[in-house]
Amino acid sequence: AIGLGLAALASVTLVACADRACARAANGRVFRSVDKMPAREVGLV
């Protein structure tokens, strides 16, 4: 029971940390309007 509880806690912590890291990386760098999109030479699809 303790092992399963720790595994579940580790999983939840990992998900939360990954979400925060993604949010920080995306802050101010995601655009949704073509008109407001800065121009760059290459787009990676």
PDB file of all heavy atoms in Angstrom:
ATOM      1  N   ALA A   1       0.833  -1.206   0.000  1.00  0.00           N
ATOM      2  CA  ALA A   1       0.000   0.000   0.000  1.00  0.00           C
ATOM      3  C   ALA A   1       0.866   1.254   0.000  1.00  0.00           C
ATOM      4  O   ALA A   1       0.592   2.222  -0.717  1.00  0.00           O
ATOM      5  CB  ALA A   1      -0.932  -0.005   1.201  1.00  0.00           C
ATOM      6  N   ILE A   2       1.916   1.236   0.799  1.00  0.00           N
ATOM      7  CA  ILE A   2       2.826   2.389   0.854  1.00  0.00           C
ATOM      8  C   ILE A   2       3.522   2.571  -0.499  1.00  0.00           C
ATOM      9  O   ILE A   2       3.642   3.693  -1.014  1.00  0.00           O
ATOM     10  CB  ILE A   2       3.871   2.206   1.973  1.00  0.00           C
ATOM     11  CG1 ILE A   2       3.180   2.266   3.343  1.00  0.00           C
ATOM     12  CG2 ILE A   2       4.956   3.279   1.872  1.00  0.00           C
ATOM     13  CD1 ILE A   2       4.100   1.925   4.494  1.00  0.00           C
ATOM     14  N   GLY A   3       3.969   1.453  -1.093  1.00  0.00           N
ATOM     15  CA  GLY A   3       4.641   1.520  -2.381  1.00  0.00           C
ATOM     16  C   GLY A   3       3.744   2.064  -3.470  1.00  0.00           C
ATOM     17  O   GLY A   3       4.153   2.913  -4.269  1.00  0.00           O
ATOM     18  N   LEU A   4       2.505   1.588  -3.500  1.00  0.00           N
ATOM     19  CA  LEU A   4       1.554   2.066  -4.507  1.00  0.00           C
ATOM     20  C   LEU A   4       1.228   3.535  -4.291  1.00  0.00           C
ATOM     21  O   LEU A   4       1.098   4.307  -5.246  1.00  0.00           O
ATOM     22  CB  LEU A   4       0.277   1.230  -4.449  1.00  0.00           C
ATOM     23  CG  LEU A   4       0.403  -0.208  -4.967  1.00  0.00           C
ATOM     24  CD1 LEU A   4      -0.876  -0.990  -4.683  1.00  0.00           C
ATOM     25  CD2 LEU A   4       0.704  -0.224  -6.459  1.00  0.00           C
ATOM     26  N   GLY A   5       1.124   3.926  -3.020  1.00  0.00           N
ATOM     27  CA  GLY A   5       0.849   5.331  -2.711  1.00  0.00           C
ATOM     28  C   GLY A   5       1.978   6.241  -3.151  1.00  0.00           C
ATOM     29  O   GLY A   5       1.742   7.316  -3.726  1.00  0.00           O
ATOM     30  N   LEU A   6       3.207   5.804  -2.909  1.00  0.00           N
ATOM     31  CA  LEU A   6       4.363   6.599  -3.326  1.00  0.00           C
ATOM     32  C   LEU A   6       4.465   6.678  -4.851  1.00  0.00           C
ATOM     33  O   LEU A   6       4.808   7.732  -5.397  1.00  0.00           O
ATOM     34  CB  LEU A   6       5.642   5.989  -2.741  1.00  0.00           C
ATOM     35  CG  LEU A   6       5.819   6.122  -1.227  1.00  0.00           C
ATOM     36  CD1 LEU A   6       7.043   5.341  -0.769  1.00  0.00           C
ATOM     37  CD2 LEU A   6       5.941   7.588  -0.824  1.00  0.00           C
ATOM     38  N   ALA A   7       4.154   5.574  -5.520  1.00  0.00           N
ATOM     39  CA  ALA A   7       4.185   5.575  -6.980  1.00  0.00           C
ATOM     40  C   ALA A   7       3.137   6.530  -7.544  1.00  0.00           C
ATOM     41  O   ALA A   7       3.401   7.276  -8.494  1.00  0.00           O
ATOM     42  CB  ALA A   7       3.950   4.162  -7.508  1.00  0.00           C
ATOM     43  N   ALA A   8       1.956   6.517  -6.937  1.00  0.00           N
ATOM     44  CA  ALA A   8       0.898   7.419  -7.392  1.00  0.00           C
ATOM     45  C   ALA A   8       1.289   8.872  -7.154  1.00  0.00           C
ATOM     46  O   ALA A   8       1.071   9.741  -8.013  1.00  0.00           O
ATOM     47  CB  ALA A   8      -0.408   7.099  -6.667  1.00  0.00           C
ATOM     48  N   LEU A   9       1.883   9.147  -5.995  1.00  0.00           N
ATOM     49  CA  LEU A   9       2.320  10.507  -5.684  1.00  0.00           C
ATOM     50  C   LEU A   9       3.403  10.972  -6.648  1.00  0.00           C
ATOM     51  O   LEU A   9       3.383  12.117  -7.130  1.00  0.00           O
ATOM     52  CB  LEU A   9       2.843  10.562  -4.244  1.00  0.00           C
ATOM     53  CG  LEU A   9       3.379  11.919  -3.763  1.00  0.00           C
ATOM     54  CD1 LEU A   9       2.273  12.977  -3.817  1.00  0.00           C
ATOM     55  CD2 LEU A   9       3.938  11.803  -2.348  1.00  0.00           C
ATOM     56  N   ALA A  10       4.334  10.068  -6.972  1.00  0.00           N
ATOM     57  CA  ALA A  10       5.403  10.414  -7.911  1.00  0.00           C
ATOM     58  C   ALA A  10       4.826  10.714  -9.292  1.00  0.00           C
ATOM     59  O   ALA A  10       5.264  11.649  -9.965  1.00  0.00           O
ATOM     60  CB  ALA A  10       6.413   9.275  -7.990  1.00  0.00           C
ATOM     61  N   SER A  11       3.835   9.937  -9.700  1.00  0.00           N
ATOM     62  CA  SER A  11       3.212  10.151 -11.012  1.00  0.00           C
ATOM     63  C   SER A  11       2.512  11.497 -11.078  1.00  0.00           C
ATOM     64  O   SER A  11       2.644  12.241 -12.058  1.00  0.00           O
ATOM     65  CB  SER A  11       2.211   9.029 -11.309  1.00  0.00           C
ATOM     66  OG  SER A  11       2.867   7.783 -11.383  1.00  0.00           O
ATOM     67  N   VAL A  12       1.754  11.818 -10.029  1.00  0.00           N
ATOM     68  CA  VAL A  12       1.042  13.098  -9.991  1.00  0.00           C
ATOM     69  C   VAL A  12       2.033  14.261  -9.983  1.00  0.00           C
ATOM     70  O   VAL A  12       1.849  15.269 -10.676  1.00  0.00           O
ATOM     71  CB  VAL A  12       0.124  13.165  -8.753  1.00  0.00           C
ATOM     72  CG1 VAL A  12      -0.447  14.568  -8.579  1.00  0.00           C
ATOM     73  CG2 VAL A  12      -1.010  12.152  -8.873  1.00  0.00           C
ATOM     74  N   THR A  13       3.108  14.113  -9.225  1.00  0.00           N
ATOM     75  CA  THR A  13       4.134  15.162  -9.158  1.00  0.00           C
ATOM     76  C   THR A  13       4.803  15.356 -10.510  1.00  0.00           C
ATOM     77  O   THR A  13       5.043  16.489 -10.939  1.00  0.00           O
ATOM     78  CB  THR A  13       5.196  14.801  -8.098  1.00  0.00           C
ATOM     79  OG1 THR A  13       4.563  14.639  -6.827  1.00  0.00           O
ATOM     80  CG2 THR A  13       6.248  15.894  -8.000  1.00  0.00           C
ATOM     81  N   LEU A  14       5.093  14.252 -11.184  1.00  0.00           N
ATOM     82  CA  LEU A  14       5.730  14.331 -12.495  1.00  0.00           C
ATOM     83  C   LEU A  14       4.834  15.050 -13.496  1.00  0.00           C
ATOM     84  O   LEU A  14       5.295  15.916 -14.249  1.00  0.00           O
ATOM     85  CB  LEU A  14       6.052  12.926 -13.000  1.00  0.00           C
ATOM     86  CG  LEU A  14       6.748  12.820 -14.361  1.00  0.00           C
ATOM     87  CD1 LEU A  14       8.107  13.524 -14.326  1.00  0.00           C
ATOM     88  CD2 LEU A  14       6.922  11.356 -14.761  1.00  0.00           C
ATOM     89  N   VAL A  15       3.543  14.713 -13.501  1.00  0.00           N
ATOM     90  CA  VAL A  15       2.593  15.366 -14.408  1.00  0.00           C
ATOM     91  C   VAL A  15       2.528  16.860 -14.125  1.00  0.00           C
ATOM     92  O   VAL A  15       2.555  17.696 -15.036  1.00  0.00           O
ATOM     93  CB  VAL A  15       1.193  14.725 -14.277  1.00  0.00           C
ATOM     94  CG1 VAL A  15       0.159  15.567 -15.013  1.00  0.00           C
ATOM     95  CG2 VAL A  15       1.205  13.311 -14.828  1.00  0.00           C
ATOM     96  N   ALA A  16       2.436  17.223 -12.836  1.00  0.00           N
ATOM     97  CA  ALA A  16       2.334  18.634 -12.455  1.00  0.00           C
ATOM     98  C   ALA A  16       3.589  19.412 -12.839  1.00  0.00           C
ATOM     99  O   ALA A  16       3.505  20.532 -13.365  1.00  0.00           O
ATOM    100  CB  ALA A  16       2.083  18.753 -10.952  1.00  0.00           C
ATOM    101  N   CYS A  17       4.749  18.828 -12.606  1.00  0.00           N
ATOM    102  CA  CYS A  17       6.012  19.502 -12.946  1.00  0.00           C
ATOM    103  C   CYS A  17       6.157  19.670 -14.455  1.00  0.00           C
ATOM    104  O   CYS A  17       6.609  20.717 -14.934  1.00  0.00           O
ATOM    105  CB  CYS A  17       7.190  18.717 -12.389  1.00  0.00           C
ATOM    106  SG  CYS A  17       7.336  18.765 -10.589  1.00  0.00           S
ATOM    107  N   ALA A  18       5.781  18.637 -15.201  1.00  0.00           N
ATOM    108  CA  ALA A  18       5.859  18.724 -16.662  1.00  0.00           C
ATOM    109  C   ALA A  18       4.917  19.793 -17.190  1.00  0.00           C
ATOM    110  O   ALA A  18       5.270  20.550 -18.104  1.00  0.00           O
ATOM    111  CB  ALA A  18       5.536  17.362 -17.277  1.00  0.00           C
ATOM    112  N   ASP A  19       3.720  19.869 -16.631  1.00  0.00           N
ATOM    113  CA  ASP A  19       2.761  20.897 -17.054  1.00  0.00           C
ATOM    114  C   ASP A  19       3.306  22.297 -16.790  1.00  0.00           C
ATOM    115  O   ASP A  19       3.167  23.203 -17.623  1.00  0.00           O
ATOM    116  CB  ASP A  19       1.429  20.713 -16.326  1.00  0.00           C
ATOM    117  CG  ASP A  19       0.550  19.665 -16.983  1.00  0.00           C
ATOM    118  OD1 ASP A  19       0.837  19.290 -18.131  1.00  0.00           O
ATOM    119  OD2 ASP A  19      -0.422  19.229 -16.360  1.00  0.00           O
ATOM    120  N   ARG A  20       3.901  22.489 -15.622  1.00  0.00           N
ATOM    121  CA  ARG A  20       4.462  23.809 -15.286  1.00  0.00           C
ATOM    122  C   ARG A  20       5.608  24.163 -16.228  1.00  0.00           C
ATOM    123  O   ARG A  20       5.735  25.313 -16.663  1.00  0.00           O
ATOM    124  CB  ARG A  20       4.924  23.831 -13.831  1.00  0.00           C
ATOM    125  CG  ARG A  20       3.796  23.968 -12.832  1.00  0.00           C
ATOM    126  CD  ARG A  20       4.305  24.447 -11.488  1.00  0.00           C
ATOM    127  NE  ARG A  20       5.236  23.504 -10.883  1.00  0.00           N
ATOM    128  CZ  ARG A  20       4.884  22.488 -10.102  1.00  0.00           C
ATOM    129  NH1 ARG A  20       3.600  22.292  -9.823  1.00  0.00           N
ATOM    130  NH2 ARG A  20       5.781  21.683  -9.586  1.00  0.00           N
ATOM    131  N   ALA A  21       6.455  23.188 -16.527  1.00  0.00           N
ATOM    132  CA  ALA A  21       7.584  23.438 -17.434  1.00  0.00           C
ATOM    133  C   ALA A  21       7.081  23.821 -18.828  1.00  0.00           C
ATOM    134  O   ALA A  21       7.614  24.737 -19.464  1.00  0.00           O
ATOM    135  CB  ALA A  21       8.480  22.201 -17.510  1.00  0.00           C
ATOM    136  N   CYS A  22       6.047  23.143 -19.289  1.00  0.00           N
ATOM    137  CA  CYS A  22       5.467  23.461 -20.601  1.00  0.00           C
ATOM    138  C   CYS A  22       4.864  24.865 -20.603  1.00  0.00           C
ATOM    139  O   CYS A  22       5.016  25.623 -21.562  1.00  0.00           O
ATOM    140  CB  CYS A  22       4.397  22.434 -20.971  1.00  0.00           C
ATOM    141  SG  CYS A  22       5.054  20.831 -21.488  1.00  0.00           S
ATOM    142  N   ALA A  23       4.168  25.200 -19.515  1.00  0.00           N
ATOM    143  CA  ALA A  23       3.544  26.522 -19.419  1.00  0.00           C
ATOM    144  C   ALA A  23       4.592  27.629 -19.432  1.00  0.00           C
ATOM    145  O   ALA A  23       4.406  28.670 -20.091  1.00  0.00           O
ATOM    146  CB  ALA A  23       2.697  26.605 -18.148  1.00  0.00           C
ATOM    147  N   ARG A  24       5.697  27.424 -18.720  1.00  0.00           N
ATOM    148  CA  ARG A  24       6.765  28.436 -18.703  1.00  0.00           C
ATOM    149  C   ARG A  24       7.392  28.582 -20.087  1.00  0.00           C
ATOM    150  O   ARG A  24       7.661  29.695 -20.546  1.00  0.00           O
ATOM    151  CB  ARG A  24       7.832  28.051 -17.669  1.00  0.00           C
ATOM    152  CG  ARG A  24       7.405  28.243 -16.223  1.00  0.00           C
ATOM    153  CD  ARG A  24       8.621  28.206 -15.305  1.00  0.00           C
ATOM    154  NE  ARG A  24       9.270  26.906 -15.339  1.00  0.00           N
ATOM    155  CZ  ARG A  24       8.998  25.904 -14.505  1.00  0.00           C
ATOM    156  NH1 ARG A  24       8.050  26.051 -13.578  1.00  0.00           N
ATOM    157  NH2 ARG A  24       9.633  24.750 -14.597  1.00  0.00           N
ATOM    158  N   ALA A  25       7.633  27.462 -20.749  1.00  0.00           N
ATOM    159  CA  ALA A  25       8.257  27.514 -22.075  1.00  0.00           C
ATOM    160  C   ALA A  25       7.347  28.197 -23.096  1.00  0.00           C
ATOM    161  O   ALA A  25       7.818  28.853 -24.021  1.00  0.00           O
ATOM    162  CB  ALA A  25       8.602  26.106 -22.539  1.00  0.00           C
ATOM    163  N   ALA A  26       6.041  28.035 -22.918  1.00  0.00           N
ATOM    164  CA  ALA A  26       5.087  28.586 -23.886  1.00  0.00           C
ATOM    165  C   ALA A  26       4.713  30.036 -23.614  1.00  0.00           C
ATOM    166  O   ALA A  26       4.124  30.694 -24.475  1.00  0.00           O
ATOM    167  CB  ALA A  26       3.817  27.732 -23.893  1.00  0.00           C
ATOM    168  N   ASN A  27       5.062  30.530 -22.448  1.00  0.00           N
ATOM    169  CA  ASN A  27       4.659  31.879 -22.061  1.00  0.00           C
ATOM    170  C   ASN A  27       5.154  32.931 -23.062  1.00  0.00           C
ATOM    171  O   ASN A  27       6.347  33.125 -23.249  1.00  0.00           O
ATOM    172  CB  ASN A  27       5.205  32.189 -20.665  1.00  0.00           C
ATOM    173  CG  ASN A  27       4.709  33.526 -20.140  1.00  0.00           C
ATOM    174  OD1 ASN A  27       3.597  33.956 -20.452  1.00  0.00           O
ATOM    175  ND2 ASN A  27       5.538  34.203 -19.345  1.00  0.00           N
ATOM    176  N   GLY A  28       4.210  33.604 -23.714  1.00  0.00           N
ATOM    177  CA  GLY A  28       4.544  34.655 -24.665  1.00  0.00           C
ATOM    178  C   GLY A  28       5.069  34.172 -26.005  1.00  0.00           C
ATOM    179  O   GLY A  28       5.466  34.988 -26.844  1.00  0.00           O
ATOM    180  N   ARG A  29       5.065  32.853 -26.232  1.00  0.00           N
ATOM    181  CA  ARG A  29       5.649  32.313 -27.458  1.00  0.00           C
ATOM    182  C   ARG A  29       4.637  31.577 -28.338  1.00  0.00           C
ATOM    183  O   ARG A  29       5.004  31.038 -29.377  1.00  0.00           O
ATOM    184  CB  ARG A  29       6.807  31.364 -27.118  1.00  0.00           C
ATOM    185  CG  ARG A  29       8.021  32.099 -26.587  1.00  0.00           C
ATOM    186  CD  ARG A  29       9.198  31.180 -26.352  1.00  0.00           C
ATOM    187  NE  ARG A  29      10.408  31.963 -26.103  1.00  0.00           N
ATOM    188  CZ  ARG A  29      11.248  32.375 -27.035  1.00  0.00           C
ATOM    189  NH1 ARG A  29      11.021  32.070 -28.300  1.00  0.00           N
ATOM    190  NH2 ARG A  29      12.322  33.081 -26.726  1.00  0.00           N
ATOM    191  N   VAL A  30       3.382  31.516 -27.926  1.00  0.00           N
ATOM    192  CA  VAL A  30       2.353  30.841 -28.715  1.00  0.00           C
ATOM    193  C   VAL A  30       1.426  31.892 -29.320  1.00  0.00           C
ATOM    194  O   VAL A  30       0.851  32.718 -28.607  1.00  0.00           O
ATOM    195  CB  VAL A  30       1.536  29.855 -27.855  1.00  0.00           C
ATOM    196  CG1 VAL A  30       0.450  29.186 -28.703  1.00  0.00           C
ATOM    197  CG2 VAL A  30       2.450  28.793 -27.254  1.00  0.00           C
ATOM    198  N   PHE A  31       1.278  31.845 -30.644  1.00  0.00           N
ATOM    199  CA  PHE A  31       0.434  32.807 -31.360  1.00  0.00           C
ATOM    200  C   PHE A  31      -0.715  32.057 -32.034  1.00  0.00           C
ATOM    201  O   PHE A  31      -0.559  30.937 -32.496  1.00  0.00           O
ATOM    202  CB  PHE A  31       1.261  33.566 -32.390  1.00  0.00           C
ATOM    203  CG  PHE A  31       2.363  34.397 -31.790  1.00  0.00           C
ATOM    204  CD1 PHE A  31       3.583  33.810 -31.465  1.00  0.00           C
ATOM    205  CD2 PHE A  31       2.176  35.745 -31.524  1.00  0.00           C
ATOM    206  CE1 PHE A  31       4.607  34.561 -30.888  1.00  0.00           C
ATOM    207  CE2 PHE A  31       3.193  36.504 -30.954  1.00  0.00           C
ATOM    208  CZ  PHE A  31       4.404  35.908 -30.638  1.00  0.00           C
ATOM    209  N   ARG A  32      -1.859  32.729 -32.070  1.00  0.00           N
ATOM    210  CA  ARG A  32      -3.067  32.090 -32.614  1.00  0.00           C
ATOM    211  C   ARG A  32      -3.636  32.850 -33.806  1.00  0.00           C
ATOM    212  O   ARG A  32      -4.550  32.363 -34.449  1.00  0.00           O
ATOM    213  CB  ARG A  32      -4.121  31.973 -31.508  1.00  0.00           C
ATOM    214  CG  ARG A  32      -3.636  31.099 -30.346  1.00  0.00           C
ATOM    215  CD  ARG A  32      -4.437  31.292 -29.082  1.00  0.00           C
ATOM    216  NE  ARG A  32      -3.827  30.563 -27.973  1.00  0.00           N
ATOM    217  CZ  ARG A  32      -2.846  31.045 -27.222  1.00  0.00           C
ATOM    218  NH1 ARG A  32      -2.363  32.266 -27.457  1.00  0.00           N
ATOM    219  NH2 ARG A  32      -2.334  30.318 -26.243  1.00  0.00           N
ATOM    220  N   SER A  33      -3.109  34.020 -34.085  1.00  0.00           N
ATOM    221  CA  SER A  33      -3.570  34.843 -35.195  1.00  0.00           C
ATOM    222  C   SER A  33      -2.460  34.980 -36.225  1.00  0.00           C
ATOM    223  O   SER A  33      -1.313  35.316 -35.875  1.00  0.00           O
ATOM    224  CB  SER A  33      -3.981  36.232 -34.686  1.00  0.00           C
ATOM    225  OG  SER A  33      -4.141  37.135 -35.756  1.00  0.00           O
ATOM    226  N   VAL A  34      -2.780  34.723 -37.475  1.00  0.00           N
ATOM    227  CA  VAL A  34      -1.790  34.857 -38.541  1.00  0.00           C
ATOM    228  C   VAL A  34      -1.291  36.294 -38.616  1.00  0.00           C
ATOM    229  O   VAL A  34      -0.089  36.538 -38.795  1.00  0.00           O
ATOM    230  CB  VAL A  34      -2.391  34.418 -39.894  1.00  0.00           C
ATOM    231  CG1 VAL A  34      -1.427  34.726 -41.043  1.00  0.00           C
ATOM    232  CG2 VAL A  34      -2.736  32.940 -39.875  1.00  0.00           C
ATOM    233  N   ASP A  35      -2.175  37.251 -38.462  1.00  0.00           N
ATOM    234  CA  ASP A  35      -1.802  38.662 -38.566  1.00  0.00           C
ATOM    235  C   ASP A  35      -0.796  39.073 -37.491  1.00  0.00           C
ATOM    236  O   ASP A  35       0.085  39.902 -37.731  1.00  0.00           O
ATOM    237  CB  ASP A  35      -3.044  39.542 -38.448  1.00  0.00           C
ATOM    238  CG  ASP A  35      -3.965  39.399 -39.657  1.00  0.00           C
ATOM    239  OD1 ASP A  35      -3.462  38.990 -40.730  1.00  0.00           O
ATOM    240  OD2 ASP A  35      -5.172  39.680 -39.530  1.00  0.00           O
ATOM    241  N   LYS A  36      -0.918  38.498 -36.304  1.00  0.00           N
ATOM    242  CA  LYS A  36      -0.045  38.869 -35.182  1.00  0.00           C
ATOM    243  C   LYS A  36       1.214  38.011 -35.106  1.00  0.00           C
ATOM    244  O   LYS A  36       2.074  38.251 -34.255  1.00  0.00           O
ATOM    245  CB  LYS A  36      -0.821  38.763 -33.870  1.00  0.00           C
ATOM    246  CG  LYS A  36      -1.974  39.754 -33.768  1.00  0.00           C
ATOM    247  CD  LYS A  36      -2.709  39.613 -32.442  1.00  0.00           C
ATOM    248  CE  LYS A  36      -3.861  40.609 -32.353  1.00  0.00           C
ATOM    249  NZ  LYS A  36      -4.618  40.474 -31.078  1.00  0.00           N
ATOM    250  N   MET A  37       1.310  37.060 -35.973  1.00  0.00           N
ATOM    251  CA  MET A  37       2.444  36.126 -35.947  1.00  0.00           C
ATOM    252  C   MET A  37       3.713  36.793 -36.457  1.00  0.00           C
ATOM    253  O   MET A  37       3.740  37.324 -37.572  1.00  0.00           O
ATOM    254  CB  MET A  37       2.108  34.923 -36.832  1.00  0.00           C
ATOM    255  CG  MET A  37       3.126  33.798 -36.776  1.00  0.00           C
ATOM    256  SD  MET A  37       2.922  32.885 -35.247  1.00  0.00           S
ATOM    257  CE  MET A  37       4.546  32.114 -35.128  1.00  0.00           C
ATOM    258  N   PRO A  38       4.799  36.796 -35.673  1.00  0.00           N
ATOM    259  CA  PRO A  38       6.073  37.321 -36.189  1.00  0.00           C
ATOM    260  C   PRO A  38       6.567  36.471 -37.355  1.00  0.00           C
ATOM    261  O   PRO A  38       6.348  35.260 -37.389  1.00  0.00           O
ATOM    262  CB  PRO A  38       7.016  37.194 -34.980  1.00  0.00           C
ATOM    263  CG  PRO A  38       6.111  37.105 -33.784  1.00  0.00           C
ATOM    264  CD  PRO A  38       4.899  36.388 -34.259  1.00  0.00           C
ATOM    265  N   ALA A  39       7.213  37.097 -38.298  1.00  0.00           N
ATOM    266  CA  ALA A  39       7.724  36.377 -39.470  1.00  0.00           C
ATOM    267  C   ALA A  39       9.051  35.694 -39.137  1.00  0.00           C
ATOM    268  O   ALA A  39       9.901  36.261 -38.453  1.00  0.00           O
ATOM    269  CB  ALA A  39       7.913  37.343 -40.628  1.00  0.00           C
ATOM    270  N   ARG A  40       9.198  34.491 -39.623  1.00  0.00           N
ATOM    271  CA  ARG A  40      10.457  33.759 -39.521  1.00  0.00           C
ATOM    272  C   ARG A  40      10.679  33.004 -40.820  1.00  0.00           C
ATOM    273  O   ARG A  40       9.736  32.729 -41.557  1.00  0.00           O
ATOM    274  CB  ARG A  40      10.462  32.800 -38.326  1.00  0.00           C
ATOM    275  CG  ARG A  40      10.528  33.547 -36.991  1.00  0.00           C
ATOM    276  CD  ARG A  40      11.108  32.711 -35.899  1.00  0.00           C
ATOM    277  NE  ARG A  40      11.389  33.525 -34.718  1.00  0.00           N
ATOM    278  CZ  ARG A  40      11.890  33.046 -33.596  1.00  0.00           C
ATOM    279  NH1 ARG A  40      12.145  31.750 -33.478  1.00  0.00           N
ATOM    280  NH2 ARG A  40      12.142  33.848 -32.575  1.00  0.00           N
ATOM    281  N   GLU A  41      11.909  32.657 -41.080  1.00  0.00           N
ATOM    282  CA  GLU A  41      12.233  32.031 -42.362  1.00  0.00           C
ATOM    283  C   GLU A  41      11.608  30.641 -42.500  1.00  0.00           C
ATOM    284  O   GLU A  41      11.065  30.293 -43.540  1.00  0.00           O
ATOM    285  CB  GLU A  41      13.756  31.941 -42.517  1.00  0.00           C
ATOM    286  CG  GLU A  41      14.220  31.368 -43.845  1.00  0.00           C
ATOM    287  CD  GLU A  41      13.837  32.246 -45.033  1.00  0.00           C
ATOM    288  OE1 GLU A  41      13.667  33.471 -44.855  1.00  0.00           O
ATOM    289  OE2 GLU A  41      13.713  31.690 -46.143  1.00  0.00           O
ATOM    290  N   VAL A  42      11.717  29.835 -41.455  1.00  0.00           N
ATOM    291  CA  VAL A  42      11.313  28.426 -41.555  1.00  0.00           C
ATOM    292  C   VAL A  42      10.213  28.089 -40.555  1.00  0.00           C
ATOM    293  O   VAL A  42      10.262  28.496 -39.386  1.00  0.00           O
ATOM    294  CB  VAL A  42      12.520  27.489 -41.331  1.00  0.00           C
ATOM    295  CG1 VAL A  42      12.090  26.021 -41.399  1.00  0.00           C
ATOM    296  CG2 VAL A  42      13.610  27.773 -42.353  1.00  0.00           C
ATOM    297  N   GLY A  43       9.245  27.317 -41.032  1.00  0.00           N
ATOM    298  CA  GLY A  43       8.216  26.761 -40.155  1.00  0.00           C
ATOM    299  C   GLY A  43       8.407  25.260 -40.043  1.00  0.00           C
ATOM    300  O   GLY A  43       8.590  24.562 -41.051  1.00  0.00           O
ATOM    301  N   LEU A  44       8.402  24.749 -38.820  1.00  0.00           N
ATOM    302  CA  LEU A  44       8.534  23.314 -38.566  1.00  0.00           C
ATOM    303  C   LEU A  44       7.143  22.738 -38.325  1.00  0.00           C
ATOM    304  O   LEU A  44       6.503  23.022 -37.307  1.00  0.00           O
ATOM    305  CB  LEU A  44       9.429  23.076 -37.344  1.00  0.00           C
ATOM    306  CG  LEU A  44       9.493  21.643 -36.796  1.00  0.00           C
ATOM    307  CD1 LEU A  44      10.067  20.683 -37.846  1.00  0.00           C
ATOM    308  CD2 LEU A  44      10.338  21.598 -35.518  1.00  0.00           C
ATOM    309  N   VAL A  45       6.662  21.946 -39.275  1.00  0.00           N
ATOM    310  CA  VAL A  45       5.337  21.339 -39.151  1.00  0.00           C
ATOM    311  C   VAL A  45       5.503  19.958 -38.519  1.00  0.00           C
ATOM    312  O   VAL A  45       6.157  19.074 -39.089  1.00  0.00           O
ATOM    313  CB  VAL A  45       4.643  21.200 -40.525  1.00  0.00           C
ATOM    314  CG1 VAL A  45       3.192  20.755 -40.326  1.00  0.00           C
ATOM    315  CG2 VAL A  45       4.701  22.513 -41.293  1.00  0.00           C
TER     316      VAL A  45
END
